[in-house]
Amino acid sequence: MQNFELTILGCSSATPTSTRNPTAQLLNIAERFFLIDCGEATQIQLRRFKIKFQRISHVFISHLHGDHYLGLIGLVSSMHLLGRTNDLHLYCPPELQEIIELQFKYSQSHLKYTIIYHPHKYISNDLIFEDAKVEVRTILLNHRIPCCGFLFIEKPRPASISKEIIKLYQIPVEQIVAIKKGADFITIEGELIPNSKLVTGKPKPRRYAYCSDTSYDERIIECIEGVDLLYHEATFMNDMLPRANETYHTTALQAGTIAQKAHVKQLMIGHYSARYKDLQPLLEEAQSVFNNTILSVEGKSIVIGNPSY
């Protein structure tokens, strides 16, 4: 089974704490490395967790609040200083290009590689990236400034064929790919073996939904329905609902409600206010509505679609 693994690099909200850094995540899908938001200290966290950040070719920035992008200029600079030559694709608010180019203008820095900007159109379900293994679509969120979440969808994987079946029917190596794609097989005796007897079922494509800063908004349910893992911000507990509404954020109870209504398989909450030293009450509040909830914790890696996580 190909990789579909999420690593948490930062899980704090607007201000870091002594134990939590602002938002950043790394998603590995079939050895494609996607950086999702890039708060302060992201490059330090990448080093800390032994992730080779030169392998990152695609960076997704949800919006222009500093806790989601202020680590990007440092990361881009380090990539340059370490000799990067490969293009870096940046999916971001259109204004971010001006911010980055102004920084390098006044520092008189000239990158050895090219940043290719893909500005958000702020349309839900907009296809912004696609290759042979994965596609990425936007999720329009309801925040104080324009903000997008991201839906990562694994492309369908071929069916599997066991070594025992290959040996039983003496299947030549050159025919295995065609069989995985649905072809039948004719043995050397001329017997037709239907594909259904040769392969196991195709694995269901896995999906990960990242919903960064947003107030409670059921309009996202259509986009995230049934995903394997939903990350949804839970900045406050529900006793601070007026503050959550004022700042266009969500409570842990509301995050659990969204997960329950969207029938997701698992919920991960994060973007915790610095006021919470102990995260257990946030977890318990979300679990009171949606039991299969976990906390985002820095350094934690989750194999998406694995029933044991």
Protein backbone atom coordinates (compact mmCIF):
# COMPACT_ATOMS: atom_id res chain seq x y z
CA MET A 1 0.00 0.00 0.00
CA GLN A 2 1.38 3.41 -0.94
CA ASN A 3 2.06 6.03 1.71
CA PHE A 4 -0.72 8.32 2.87
CA GLU A 5 0.76 9.73 6.06
CA LEU A 6 0.29 13.01 7.89
CA THR A 7 2.87 14.52 10.27
CA ILE A 8 1.97 17.39 12.59
CA LEU A 9 4.62 20.13 12.73
CA GLY A 10 2.64 22.81 14.57
CA CYS A 11 -0.73 22.88 16.31
CA SER A 12 -0.99 26.22 18.14
CA SER A 13 -3.17 29.15 17.12
CA ALA A 14 -2.16 32.81 16.78
CA THR A 15 0.70 32.74 19.28
CA PRO A 16 3.18 29.94 19.96
CA THR A 17 3.73 28.55 23.44
CA SER A 18 6.79 26.95 25.02
CA THR A 19 5.50 23.55 23.87
CA ARG A 20 3.44 24.32 20.75
CA ASN A 21 4.27 26.06 17.46
CA PRO A 22 1.89 27.67 14.97
CA THR A 23 0.14 25.62 12.32
CA ALA A 24 2.04 23.44 9.86
CA GLN A 25 1.56 19.90 8.59
CA LEU A 26 3.36 17.60 6.17
CA LEU A 27 1.41 15.09 4.08
CA ASN A 28 3.21 12.25 2.29
CA ILE A 29 1.18 10.64 -0.49
CA ALA A 30 3.16 8.05 -2.45
CA GLU A 31 6.40 9.95 -1.72
CA ARG A 32 4.89 13.26 -2.84
CA PHE A 33 5.49 15.68 0.04
CA PHE A 34 2.91 18.43 0.56
CA LEU A 35 3.48 21.16 3.15
CA ILE A 36 0.19 22.50 4.48
CA ASP A 37 0.52 25.97 6.02
CA CYS A 38 3.87 27.19 7.29
CA GLY A 39 3.79 28.97 10.65
CA GLU A 40 6.88 30.16 12.49
CA ALA A 41 9.50 27.46 13.23
CA THR A 42 8.28 25.15 10.47
CA GLN A 43 11.76 24.60 9.07
CA ILE A 44 13.06 23.90 12.58
CA GLN A 45 10.31 21.33 13.07
CA LEU A 46 11.14 19.71 9.73
CA ARG A 47 14.72 19.29 10.92
CA ARG A 48 13.61 18.13 14.35
CA PHE A 49 11.50 15.33 12.89
CA LYS A 50 14.17 14.46 10.28
CA ILE A 51 12.12 15.45 7.23
CA LYS A 52 14.20 16.45 4.21
CA PHE A 53 12.48 19.67 3.23
CA GLN A 54 14.17 19.82 -0.19
CA ARG A 55 11.78 16.98 -1.11
CA ILE A 56 8.86 19.38 -0.68
CA SER A 57 7.75 20.70 -4.07
CA HIS A 58 4.21 21.85 -3.22
CA VAL A 59 3.23 24.24 -0.42
CA PHE A 60 -0.39 25.07 0.39
CA ILE A 61 -1.13 28.26 2.36
CA SER A 62 -4.70 28.62 3.59
CA HIS A 63 -4.75 32.35 4.33
CA LEU A 64 -2.67 35.39 5.26
CA HIS A 65 -2.82 35.40 9.03
CA GLY A 66 0.78 35.22 10.21
CA ASP A 67 0.48 32.01 12.19
CA HIS A 68 -0.13 30.22 8.90
CA TYR A 69 2.62 31.63 6.69
CA LEU A 70 5.32 33.56 8.61
CA GLY A 71 7.66 30.57 8.50
CA LEU A 72 7.57 30.44 4.72
CA ILE A 73 10.15 33.13 3.89
CA GLY A 74 12.68 31.48 6.18
CA LEU A 75 12.02 28.07 4.64
CA VAL A 76 12.26 29.42 1.10
CA SER A 77 15.53 31.16 2.00
CA SER A 78 17.03 28.02 3.51
CA MET A 79 16.09 26.01 0.43
CA HIS A 80 18.00 28.60 -1.63
CA LEU A 81 21.05 28.64 0.65
CA LEU A 82 21.22 24.85 0.57
CA GLY A 83 21.41 24.85 -3.22
CA ARG A 84 17.89 24.06 -4.33
CA THR A 85 17.36 24.24 -8.10
CA ASN A 86 13.99 22.49 -8.48
CA ASP A 87 10.85 24.59 -8.86
CA LEU A 88 8.68 25.21 -5.80
CA HIS A 89 4.93 25.39 -6.37
CA LEU A 90 3.04 27.67 -3.99
CA TYR A 91 -0.77 27.50 -3.75
CA CYS A 92 -1.70 30.61 -1.86
CA PRO A 93 -3.62 33.86 -1.56
CA PRO A 94 -2.60 36.06 -4.52
CA GLU A 95 -1.16 38.76 -2.24
CA LEU A 96 1.49 36.38 -0.90
CA GLN A 97 3.56 36.73 -4.06
CA GLU A 98 3.97 40.46 -3.40
CA ILE A 99 4.94 39.80 0.23
CA ILE A 100 7.63 37.28 -0.71
CA GLU A 101 9.03 39.27 -3.62
CA LEU A 102 9.22 42.44 -1.51
CA GLN A 103 11.25 40.58 1.11
CA PHE A 104 13.76 39.35 -1.44
CA LYS A 105 13.87 42.72 -3.20
CA TYR A 106 15.06 44.54 -0.08
CA SER A 107 17.39 41.76 1.04
CA GLN A 108 18.84 41.71 -2.49
CA SER A 109 18.36 37.96 -2.62
CA HIS A 110 18.14 36.13 -5.94
CA LEU A 111 16.82 32.61 -5.63
CA LYS A 112 18.57 29.81 -7.51
CA TYR A 113 15.20 28.22 -8.18
CA THR A 114 11.79 29.38 -9.36
CA ILE A 115 8.70 29.83 -7.22
CA ILE A 116 5.60 29.12 -9.29
CA TYR A 117 2.54 30.80 -7.78
CA HIS A 118 -0.94 29.31 -8.02
CA PRO A 119 -3.28 31.95 -6.54
CA HIS A 120 -6.49 30.87 -4.81
CA LYS A 121 -9.74 31.63 -6.57
CA TYR A 122 -11.72 31.00 -3.35
CA ILE A 123 -14.10 28.57 -5.02
CA SER A 124 -15.11 25.45 -3.14
CA ASN A 125 -14.12 22.18 -4.84
CA ASP A 126 -11.73 23.98 -7.19
CA LEU A 127 -9.12 21.55 -8.55
CA ILE A 128 -5.74 23.17 -7.85
CA PHE A 129 -3.32 20.25 -8.23
CA GLU A 130 -3.37 16.87 -9.93
CA ASP A 131 -0.88 14.18 -10.89
CA ALA A 132 -0.99 10.42 -11.39
CA LYS A 133 -1.36 9.70 -7.66
CA VAL A 134 -3.38 12.51 -6.08
CA GLU A 135 -5.60 15.50 -6.66
CA VAL A 136 -6.12 18.50 -4.38
CA ARG A 137 -9.27 20.60 -4.20
CA THR A 138 -10.14 23.70 -2.18
CA ILE A 139 -12.65 23.94 0.66
CA LEU A 140 -14.04 27.45 1.07
CA LEU A 141 -13.96 28.42 4.74
CA ASN A 142 -15.69 31.18 6.71
CA HIS A 143 -12.99 33.26 8.37
CA ARG A 144 -12.34 36.95 9.02
CA ILE A 145 -10.24 37.18 5.84
CA PRO A 146 -10.38 35.00 2.70
CA CYS A 147 -9.41 31.46 3.65
CA CYS A 148 -9.31 28.02 2.00
CA GLY A 149 -9.04 24.53 3.33
CA PHE A 150 -7.73 21.68 1.20
CA LEU A 151 -9.07 18.25 0.28
CA PHE A 152 -6.42 15.68 -0.70
CA ILE A 153 -7.85 12.78 -2.70
CA GLU A 154 -5.86 9.69 -3.55
CA LYS A 155 -6.25 8.48 -7.12
CA PRO A 156 -7.71 4.95 -7.45
CA ARG A 157 -5.07 2.31 -6.89
CA PRO A 158 -4.88 -0.86 -9.01
CA ALA A 159 -6.18 -4.16 -7.70
CA SER A 160 -3.73 -6.60 -6.09
CA ILE A 161 -2.64 -10.00 -7.33
CA SER A 162 -0.99 -12.47 -4.98
CA LYS A 163 2.20 -14.43 -5.58
CA GLU A 164 0.18 -17.61 -5.08
CA ILE A 165 -2.18 -16.72 -7.94
CA ILE A 166 0.73 -15.81 -10.21
CA LYS A 167 2.36 -19.17 -9.47
CA LEU A 168 -0.89 -21.16 -9.73
CA TYR A 169 -1.71 -19.92 -13.23
CA GLN A 170 1.90 -19.34 -14.32
CA ILE A 171 1.18 -15.75 -15.21
CA PRO A 172 4.01 -14.04 -17.15
CA VAL A 173 5.38 -10.88 -15.56
CA GLU A 174 4.50 -8.77 -18.61
CA GLN A 175 0.78 -9.53 -18.17
CA ILE A 176 0.49 -8.59 -14.48
CA VAL A 177 -0.11 -4.88 -15.05
CA ALA A 178 -2.94 -5.57 -17.50
CA ILE A 179 -4.55 -8.00 -15.07
CA LYS A 180 -4.39 -5.42 -12.27
CA LYS A 181 -6.21 -3.04 -14.60
CA GLY A 182 -9.00 -5.55 -15.24
CA ALA A 183 -7.84 -7.96 -17.94
CA ASP A 184 -8.68 -11.67 -17.89
CA PHE A 185 -5.98 -14.30 -18.39
CA ILE A 186 -5.73 -17.31 -20.73
CA THR A 187 -3.57 -20.14 -19.43
CA ILE A 188 -1.16 -22.12 -21.61
CA GLU A 189 -3.87 -24.80 -21.76
CA GLY A 190 -6.28 -22.25 -23.25
CA GLU A 191 -8.47 -21.88 -20.15
CA LEU A 192 -9.95 -18.41 -19.64
CA ILE A 193 -9.51 -17.22 -16.05
CA PRO A 194 -11.81 -14.25 -15.32
CA ASN A 195 -10.24 -11.23 -13.68
CA SER A 196 -12.44 -11.64 -10.61
CA LYS A 197 -10.60 -14.87 -9.77
CA LEU A 198 -7.18 -13.30 -10.20
CA VAL A 199 -7.23 -10.13 -8.15
CA THR A 200 -8.42 -8.86 -4.82
CA GLY A 201 -10.68 -5.82 -4.73
CA LYS A 202 -9.32 -2.39 -5.53
CA PRO A 203 -8.58 -0.42 -2.35
CA LYS A 204 -10.90 2.51 -1.83
CA PRO A 205 -9.12 5.85 -2.46
CA ARG A 206 -8.30 7.67 0.77
CA ARG A 207 -9.17 11.31 1.47
CA TYR A 208 -7.85 13.90 3.90
CA ALA A 209 -9.64 17.21 4.57
CA TYR A 210 -7.75 20.12 6.12
CA CYS A 211 -9.98 22.87 7.51
CA SER A 212 -7.82 25.57 9.05
CA ASP A 213 -9.33 28.78 10.45
CA THR A 214 -13.10 28.99 10.19
CA SER A 215 -16.22 29.67 12.14
CA TYR A 216 -18.83 26.92 12.39
CA ASP A 217 -20.19 26.54 8.86
CA GLU A 218 -22.17 23.52 7.67
CA ARG A 219 -21.63 24.49 4.04
CA ILE A 220 -18.33 22.58 4.13
CA ILE A 221 -20.10 19.29 4.86
CA GLU A 222 -20.73 18.56 1.18
CA CYS A 223 -16.99 18.79 0.46
CA ILE A 224 -15.79 16.68 3.38
CA GLU A 225 -18.55 14.04 3.51
CA GLY A 226 -17.13 10.68 4.59
CA VAL A 227 -13.43 11.55 4.47
CA ASP A 228 -10.98 9.19 6.16
CA LEU A 229 -9.54 11.97 8.31
CA LEU A 230 -10.82 15.49 8.94
CA TYR A 231 -8.58 18.08 10.53
CA HIS A 232 -10.75 20.88 11.89
CA GLU A 233 -9.67 23.79 14.02
CA ALA A 234 -10.92 23.87 17.60
CA THR A 235 -9.44 27.06 18.97
CA PHE A 236 -11.72 27.35 22.02
CA MET A 237 -13.94 25.33 24.29
CA ASN A 238 -17.66 25.94 24.01
CA ASP A 239 -17.84 28.13 27.12
CA MET A 240 -16.01 30.70 24.99
CA LEU A 241 -18.45 30.52 22.09
CA PRO A 242 -18.98 34.33 21.98
CA ARG A 243 -15.20 34.79 21.58
CA ALA A 244 -15.12 32.08 18.90
CA ASN A 245 -17.89 33.83 16.99
CA GLU A 246 -16.18 37.20 17.34
CA THR A 247 -12.88 35.90 15.93
CA TYR A 248 -14.41 33.57 13.31
CA HIS A 249 -13.13 30.45 14.99
CA THR A 250 -14.66 27.15 16.11
CA THR A 251 -15.09 25.44 19.46
CA ALA A 252 -14.19 21.82 20.10
CA LEU A 253 -17.89 20.99 20.46
CA GLN A 254 -18.63 22.57 17.08
CA ALA A 255 -15.76 20.69 15.43
CA GLY A 256 -17.19 17.44 16.75
CA THR A 257 -20.61 18.40 15.44
CA ILE A 258 -19.24 19.04 11.94
CA ALA A 259 -17.49 15.65 11.99
CA GLN A 260 -20.65 13.91 13.14
CA LYS A 261 -22.85 15.55 10.49
CA ALA A 262 -20.31 14.88 7.73
CA HIS A 263 -20.00 11.19 8.69
CA VAL A 264 -16.21 11.36 8.62
CA LYS A 265 -14.23 8.35 9.79
CA GLN A 266 -11.98 10.24 12.18
CA LEU A 267 -11.60 13.81 13.43
CA MET A 268 -8.39 15.52 14.45
CA ILE A 269 -8.67 18.86 16.23
CA GLY A 270 -6.00 21.55 16.50
CA HIS A 271 -5.17 25.27 16.35
CA TYR A 272 -5.48 25.48 20.12
CA SER A 273 -5.59 28.83 21.90
CA ALA A 274 -2.48 29.44 24.00
CA ARG A 275 -4.78 29.78 27.04
CA TYR A 276 -5.12 25.97 27.17
CA LYS A 277 -2.15 24.30 28.83
CA ASP A 278 -4.01 21.00 29.15
CA LEU A 279 -5.63 19.82 25.89
CA GLN A 280 -7.60 16.96 27.41
CA PRO A 281 -10.75 19.05 28.08
CA LEU A 282 -10.80 20.11 24.40
CA LEU A 283 -10.54 16.48 23.36
CA GLU A 284 -13.29 15.37 25.71
CA GLU A 285 -15.60 18.13 24.55
CA ALA A 286 -15.22 17.10 20.90
CA GLN A 287 -15.60 13.42 21.83
CA SER A 288 -18.88 14.17 23.58
CA VAL A 289 -20.33 14.63 20.09
CA PHE A 290 -17.97 12.59 17.93
CA ASN A 291 -16.18 9.85 19.82
CA ASN A 292 -13.54 9.04 17.21
CA THR A 293 -11.60 12.27 17.80
CA ILE A 294 -7.87 12.67 18.37
CA LEU A 295 -5.61 15.60 19.19
CA SER A 296 -3.05 17.01 16.78
CA VAL A 297 0.25 16.79 18.63
CA GLU A 298 3.58 17.95 17.23
CA GLY A 299 5.65 15.07 15.90
CA LYS A 300 2.62 12.79 15.71
CA SER A 301 2.32 10.85 12.44
CA ILE A 302 -0.94 9.32 11.30
CA VAL A 303 -1.30 6.74 8.52
CA ILE A 304 -4.57 7.85 6.96
CA GLY A 305 -6.94 5.02 6.17
CA ASN A 306 -5.25 2.67 8.63
CA PRO A 307 -7.91 1.42 11.07
CA SER A 308 -5.30 1.14 13.84
CA TYR A 309 -4.47 4.85 14.06
